N, C-alpha and C. Protein backbone atom coordinates (compact mmCIF):
# COMPACT_ATOMS: atom_id res chain seq x y z
N ALA A 1 -24.41 31.50 166.39
CA ALA A 1 -24.38 30.10 166.82
C ALA A 1 -22.94 29.65 166.89
N HIS A 2 -22.64 28.80 167.88
CA HIS A 2 -21.29 28.29 167.99
C HIS A 2 -21.27 27.07 168.88
N VAL A 3 -20.14 26.36 168.85
CA VAL A 3 -19.89 25.25 169.78
C VAL A 3 -18.61 25.54 170.52
N VAL A 4 -18.55 25.08 171.74
CA VAL A 4 -17.40 25.33 172.60
C VAL A 4 -16.91 24.00 173.16
N ALA A 5 -15.62 23.76 172.95
CA ALA A 5 -14.98 22.57 173.51
C ALA A 5 -14.31 22.94 174.83
N SER A 6 -14.48 22.09 175.82
CA SER A 6 -13.88 22.36 177.11
C SER A 6 -13.53 21.05 177.80
N GLY A 7 -12.80 21.17 178.91
CA GLY A 7 -12.51 20.01 179.73
C GLY A 7 -11.08 19.51 179.65
N GLY A 8 -10.26 20.12 178.81
CA GLY A 8 -8.88 19.69 178.70
C GLY A 8 -8.09 20.03 179.95
N GLY A 9 -6.86 19.52 179.99
CA GLY A 9 -6.00 19.80 181.12
C GLY A 9 -4.78 18.92 181.11
N LEU A 10 -4.09 18.92 182.23
CA LEU A 10 -2.90 18.10 182.41
C LEU A 10 -3.26 16.87 183.24
N VAL A 11 -2.89 15.72 182.75
CA VAL A 11 -3.21 14.47 183.44
C VAL A 11 -2.03 13.53 183.31
N GLN A 12 -1.85 12.68 184.31
CA GLN A 12 -0.77 11.70 184.26
C GLN A 12 -1.15 10.53 183.36
N PRO A 13 -0.17 9.85 182.82
CA PRO A 13 -0.46 8.64 182.02
C PRO A 13 -1.33 7.67 182.81
N GLY A 14 -2.31 7.12 182.12
CA GLY A 14 -3.25 6.22 182.78
C GLY A 14 -4.46 6.92 183.36
N GLY A 15 -4.43 8.24 183.36
CA GLY A 15 -5.52 9.01 183.93
C GLY A 15 -6.66 9.20 182.95
N SER A 16 -7.63 9.99 183.39
CA SER A 16 -8.85 10.21 182.62
C SER A 16 -9.18 11.70 182.53
N LEU A 17 -9.84 12.04 181.46
CA LEU A 17 -10.40 13.39 181.29
C LEU A 17 -11.73 13.26 180.57
N THR A 18 -12.59 14.21 180.81
CA THR A 18 -13.86 14.27 180.11
C THR A 18 -13.95 15.59 179.36
N LEU A 19 -14.04 15.51 178.04
CA LEU A 19 -14.20 16.70 177.21
C LEU A 19 -15.68 16.90 176.90
N SER A 20 -16.04 18.15 176.80
CA SER A 20 -17.41 18.49 176.49
C SER A 20 -17.46 19.42 175.29
N CYS A 21 -18.44 19.19 174.44
CA CYS A 21 -18.71 20.07 173.30
C CYS A 21 -20.12 20.60 173.51
N ALA A 22 -20.22 21.87 173.82
CA ALA A 22 -21.50 22.47 174.14
C ALA A 22 -21.91 23.43 173.03
N ALA A 23 -23.15 23.33 172.60
CA ALA A 23 -23.65 24.18 171.52
C ALA A 23 -24.51 25.31 172.06
N SER A 24 -24.42 26.41 171.37
CA SER A 24 -25.25 27.57 171.70
C SER A 24 -25.77 28.17 170.41
N GLY A 25 -27.09 28.40 170.37
CA GLY A 25 -27.67 29.00 169.17
C GLY A 25 -27.96 28.02 168.06
N LEU A 26 -27.77 26.75 168.32
CA LEU A 26 -28.15 25.73 167.35
C LEU A 26 -28.58 24.48 168.12
N ALA A 27 -29.42 23.70 167.47
CA ALA A 27 -29.89 22.45 168.07
C ALA A 27 -28.91 21.35 167.69
N LEU A 28 -28.07 20.98 168.64
CA LEU A 28 -27.04 19.98 168.35
C LEU A 28 -27.66 18.64 167.95
N SER A 29 -28.91 18.44 168.30
CA SER A 29 -29.60 17.19 167.94
C SER A 29 -29.78 17.05 166.43
N ASP A 30 -29.60 18.12 165.69
CA ASP A 30 -29.69 18.06 164.24
C ASP A 30 -28.36 17.76 163.57
N TYR A 31 -27.32 17.61 164.35
CA TYR A 31 -25.96 17.52 163.83
C TYR A 31 -25.26 16.23 164.27
N ALA A 32 -24.49 15.66 163.35
CA ALA A 32 -23.49 14.70 163.76
C ALA A 32 -22.33 15.49 164.38
N VAL A 33 -21.65 14.87 165.32
CA VAL A 33 -20.55 15.56 165.99
C VAL A 33 -19.31 14.69 165.92
N MET A 34 -18.21 15.32 165.62
CA MET A 34 -16.93 14.64 165.55
C MET A 34 -15.95 15.29 166.51
N TRP A 35 -15.09 14.49 167.10
CA TRP A 35 -13.94 14.98 167.84
C TRP A 35 -12.69 14.69 167.03
N TYR A 36 -11.82 15.68 166.96
CA TYR A 36 -10.53 15.57 166.30
C TYR A 36 -9.43 15.92 167.30
N LEU A 37 -8.23 15.46 167.00
CA LEU A 37 -7.08 15.92 167.75
C LEU A 37 -6.02 16.41 166.78
N GLN A 38 -5.23 17.34 167.25
CA GLN A 38 -4.12 17.85 166.45
C GLN A 38 -2.91 18.05 167.36
N ALA A 39 -1.92 17.22 167.14
CA ALA A 39 -0.68 17.34 167.89
C ALA A 39 0.21 18.38 167.20
N PRO A 40 1.16 18.95 167.92
CA PRO A 40 2.03 19.97 167.32
C PRO A 40 2.73 19.46 166.07
N GLY A 41 2.61 20.23 164.99
CA GLY A 41 3.27 19.87 163.75
C GLY A 41 2.62 18.75 162.98
N GLN A 42 1.46 18.32 163.45
CA GLN A 42 0.77 17.21 162.80
C GLN A 42 -0.56 17.67 162.21
N GLU A 43 -1.09 16.84 161.33
CA GLU A 43 -2.40 17.13 160.78
C GLU A 43 -3.49 16.79 161.80
N ARG A 44 -4.64 17.34 161.57
CA ARG A 44 -5.77 17.05 162.45
C ARG A 44 -6.31 15.65 162.13
N ASP A 45 -6.45 14.84 163.17
CA ASP A 45 -6.91 13.46 163.01
C ASP A 45 -8.28 13.28 163.63
N LEU A 46 -9.10 12.49 162.97
CA LEU A 46 -10.42 12.16 163.49
C LEU A 46 -10.29 11.17 164.64
N VAL A 47 -10.97 11.45 165.74
CA VAL A 47 -10.92 10.58 166.93
C VAL A 47 -12.19 9.76 167.06
N ALA A 48 -13.33 10.43 166.99
CA ALA A 48 -14.60 9.74 167.21
C ALA A 48 -15.73 10.51 166.54
N THR A 49 -16.76 9.78 166.15
CA THR A 49 -17.93 10.40 165.56
C THR A 49 -19.19 9.84 166.20
N ILE A 50 -20.22 10.66 166.24
CA ILE A 50 -21.52 10.20 166.72
C ILE A 50 -22.59 10.87 165.87
N ASP A 51 -23.54 10.08 165.40
CA ASP A 51 -24.57 10.66 164.56
C ASP A 51 -25.57 11.42 165.43
N LYS A 52 -26.53 12.07 164.79
CA LYS A 52 -27.38 12.98 165.54
C LYS A 52 -28.27 12.29 166.56
N THR A 53 -28.53 11.00 166.34
CA THR A 53 -29.37 10.27 167.30
C THR A 53 -28.55 9.54 168.36
N GLY A 54 -27.25 9.44 168.14
CA GLY A 54 -26.41 8.72 169.08
C GLY A 54 -26.36 7.22 168.85
N THR A 55 -26.91 6.76 167.74
CA THR A 55 -26.95 5.32 167.49
C THR A 55 -25.80 4.83 166.63
N ILE A 56 -25.18 5.69 165.86
CA ILE A 56 -24.04 5.30 165.02
C ILE A 56 -22.80 6.00 165.55
N ILE A 57 -21.88 5.20 166.03
CA ILE A 57 -20.67 5.70 166.68
C ILE A 57 -19.46 5.01 166.08
N ASN A 58 -18.43 5.78 165.82
CA ASN A 58 -17.19 5.22 165.29
C ASN A 58 -16.00 5.83 166.00
N TYR A 59 -14.95 5.04 166.10
CA TYR A 59 -13.72 5.48 166.76
C TYR A 59 -12.51 5.20 165.88
N ALA A 60 -11.52 6.05 166.01
CA ALA A 60 -10.24 5.74 165.41
C ALA A 60 -9.64 4.55 166.15
N ASP A 61 -8.88 3.74 165.43
CA ASP A 61 -8.32 2.54 166.04
C ASP A 61 -7.48 2.87 167.28
N PHE A 62 -6.80 4.01 167.27
CA PHE A 62 -5.87 4.30 168.35
C PHE A 62 -6.57 4.71 169.64
N VAL A 63 -7.91 4.87 169.62
CA VAL A 63 -8.62 5.19 170.86
C VAL A 63 -9.65 4.14 171.23
N LYS A 64 -9.86 3.16 170.38
CA LYS A 64 -10.87 2.14 170.66
C LYS A 64 -10.60 1.45 172.00
N GLY A 65 -11.65 1.32 172.79
CA GLY A 65 -11.52 0.70 174.09
C GLY A 65 -11.09 1.65 175.18
N ARG A 66 -10.68 2.85 174.82
CA ARG A 66 -10.23 3.83 175.82
C ARG A 66 -11.13 5.07 175.87
N PHE A 67 -11.64 5.48 174.72
CA PHE A 67 -12.45 6.69 174.64
C PHE A 67 -13.91 6.30 174.37
N THR A 68 -14.81 7.10 174.91
CA THR A 68 -16.23 6.90 174.68
C THR A 68 -16.88 8.23 174.34
N ILE A 69 -17.57 8.27 173.21
CA ILE A 69 -18.30 9.47 172.81
C ILE A 69 -19.78 9.25 173.12
N SER A 70 -20.42 10.28 173.60
CA SER A 70 -21.85 10.18 173.91
C SER A 70 -22.47 11.56 173.74
N ARG A 71 -23.79 11.58 173.72
CA ARG A 71 -24.45 12.87 173.57
C ARG A 71 -25.67 12.94 174.46
N ASP A 72 -25.97 14.16 174.86
CA ASP A 72 -27.18 14.45 175.62
C ASP A 72 -27.86 15.59 174.87
N ASN A 73 -28.79 15.23 174.00
CA ASN A 73 -29.42 16.25 173.17
C ASN A 73 -30.28 17.21 173.99
N ALA A 74 -30.75 16.75 175.12
CA ALA A 74 -31.52 17.65 175.98
C ALA A 74 -30.64 18.76 176.55
N LYS A 75 -29.36 18.45 176.73
CA LYS A 75 -28.41 19.45 177.26
C LYS A 75 -27.60 20.10 176.15
N ASN A 76 -27.86 19.66 174.90
CA ASN A 76 -27.17 20.26 173.75
C ASN A 76 -25.65 20.08 173.85
N THR A 77 -25.24 18.90 174.32
CA THR A 77 -23.82 18.64 174.49
C THR A 77 -23.43 17.26 173.98
N VAL A 78 -22.17 17.14 173.62
CA VAL A 78 -21.56 15.86 173.29
C VAL A 78 -20.31 15.73 174.16
N THR A 79 -20.12 14.56 174.71
CA THR A 79 -19.02 14.32 175.64
C THR A 79 -18.06 13.29 175.08
N LEU A 80 -16.79 13.50 175.34
CA LEU A 80 -15.77 12.51 175.01
C LEU A 80 -15.09 12.12 176.31
N GLN A 81 -15.37 10.92 176.76
CA GLN A 81 -14.74 10.38 177.96
C GLN A 81 -13.46 9.69 177.54
N MET A 82 -12.36 10.13 178.10
CA MET A 82 -11.05 9.60 177.72
C MET A 82 -10.41 8.92 178.93
N ASN A 83 -10.20 7.64 178.82
CA ASN A 83 -9.59 6.84 179.89
C ASN A 83 -8.26 6.27 179.42
N SER A 84 -7.49 5.81 180.37
CA SER A 84 -6.20 5.17 180.07
C SER A 84 -5.38 6.04 179.12
N LEU A 85 -5.28 7.30 179.46
CA LEU A 85 -4.60 8.25 178.58
C LEU A 85 -3.11 7.96 178.49
N LYS A 86 -2.57 8.21 177.30
CA LYS A 86 -1.17 7.97 177.02
C LYS A 86 -0.50 9.29 176.62
N PRO A 87 0.79 9.39 176.78
CA PRO A 87 1.48 10.62 176.37
C PRO A 87 1.20 10.99 174.91
N GLU A 88 1.04 9.99 174.06
CA GLU A 88 0.78 10.27 172.66
C GLU A 88 -0.62 10.80 172.39
N ASP A 89 -1.47 10.83 173.41
CA ASP A 89 -2.78 11.48 173.28
C ASP A 89 -2.69 12.99 173.44
N THR A 90 -1.52 13.47 173.81
CA THR A 90 -1.33 14.91 173.99
C THR A 90 -1.58 15.64 172.68
N ALA A 91 -2.51 16.59 172.72
CA ALA A 91 -2.91 17.32 171.52
C ALA A 91 -3.95 18.36 171.90
N VAL A 92 -4.28 19.19 170.93
CA VAL A 92 -5.46 20.05 171.06
C VAL A 92 -6.62 19.27 170.46
N TYR A 93 -7.71 19.21 171.21
CA TYR A 93 -8.89 18.47 170.78
C TYR A 93 -9.97 19.45 170.34
N TYR A 94 -10.55 19.16 169.19
CA TYR A 94 -11.58 20.01 168.61
C TYR A 94 -12.87 19.22 168.42
N CYS A 95 -13.99 19.87 168.62
CA CYS A 95 -15.25 19.26 168.23
C CYS A 95 -15.79 19.98 167.00
N ASN A 96 -16.52 19.21 166.23
CA ASN A 96 -17.06 19.70 164.97
C ASN A 96 -18.49 19.21 164.84
N ALA A 97 -19.41 20.13 164.63
CA ALA A 97 -20.81 19.77 164.42
C ALA A 97 -21.13 19.91 162.94
N GLU A 98 -21.59 18.83 162.36
CA GLU A 98 -21.84 18.79 160.92
C GLU A 98 -23.28 18.40 160.63
N HIS A 99 -23.96 19.23 159.86
CA HIS A 99 -25.35 18.97 159.52
C HIS A 99 -25.40 18.06 158.29
N PRO A 100 -26.35 17.14 158.23
CA PRO A 100 -26.41 16.23 157.09
C PRO A 100 -26.83 16.87 155.78
N VAL A 101 -27.45 18.03 155.82
CA VAL A 101 -27.87 18.69 154.59
C VAL A 101 -26.69 19.46 154.00
N PRO A 102 -26.28 19.13 152.78
CA PRO A 102 -25.13 19.82 152.15
C PRO A 102 -25.37 21.32 152.08
N GLY A 103 -24.32 22.05 152.35
CA GLY A 103 -24.41 23.49 152.29
C GLY A 103 -24.79 24.15 153.59
N THR A 104 -25.23 23.34 154.56
CA THR A 104 -25.55 23.90 155.88
C THR A 104 -24.25 24.17 156.62
N PRO A 105 -24.15 25.29 157.29
CA PRO A 105 -22.90 25.60 157.99
C PRO A 105 -22.50 24.52 158.98
N THR A 106 -21.20 24.27 159.07
CA THR A 106 -20.67 23.41 160.11
C THR A 106 -20.01 24.30 161.16
N TYR A 107 -19.84 23.76 162.32
CA TYR A 107 -19.33 24.53 163.44
C TYR A 107 -18.15 23.82 164.08
N TRP A 108 -17.10 24.58 164.31
CA TRP A 108 -15.91 24.08 164.98
C TRP A 108 -15.75 24.78 166.33
N GLY A 109 -15.46 23.97 167.34
CA GLY A 109 -15.09 24.55 168.62
C GLY A 109 -13.67 25.07 168.55
N GLN A 110 -13.28 25.83 169.54
CA GLN A 110 -11.99 26.51 169.51
C GLN A 110 -10.83 25.61 169.89
N GLY A 111 -11.12 24.43 170.38
CA GLY A 111 -10.06 23.52 170.78
C GLY A 111 -9.77 23.59 172.26
N THR A 112 -9.44 22.46 172.83
CA THR A 112 -9.06 22.38 174.23
C THR A 112 -7.81 21.51 174.34
N GLN A 113 -6.84 21.99 175.10
CA GLN A 113 -5.53 21.32 175.19
C GLN A 113 -5.59 20.17 176.18
N VAL A 114 -5.14 19.02 175.73
CA VAL A 114 -4.98 17.84 176.59
C VAL A 114 -3.50 17.50 176.62
N THR A 115 -2.95 17.46 177.81
CA THR A 115 -1.54 17.12 177.99
C THR A 115 -1.43 15.93 178.93
N VAL A 116 -0.82 14.86 178.44
CA VAL A 116 -0.65 13.66 179.24
C VAL A 116 0.84 13.52 179.54
N SER A 117 1.18 13.72 180.78
CA SER A 117 2.60 13.74 181.16
C SER A 117 2.74 13.45 182.64
N SER A 118 3.82 12.78 182.97
CA SER A 118 4.12 12.55 184.38
C SER A 118 5.01 13.65 184.94
């Protein structure tokens, strides 16, 4: 079982990207999913979270109003829509699937690079 993050790329400031976290071998509907970013030389920061039903959503202050997290449990995916991108959003973005039962394995995607530059 694993999750795969995809959709990164190079975009100009003010542009948009859509990241996808796709699960294989596990029912993502049983998991809360988080997106993190990690800039070079920096710690990994939490960007957004969505609970397994999609009803509880939280964002880091620095992305509120610009990023939207959503999920399609039928497609076993979670999406992070990123608008109004800024150069400081440049980072590797990771998705993490976390089960609510303690001791259940969590899954990390391999990361996808987002570069915001003119």
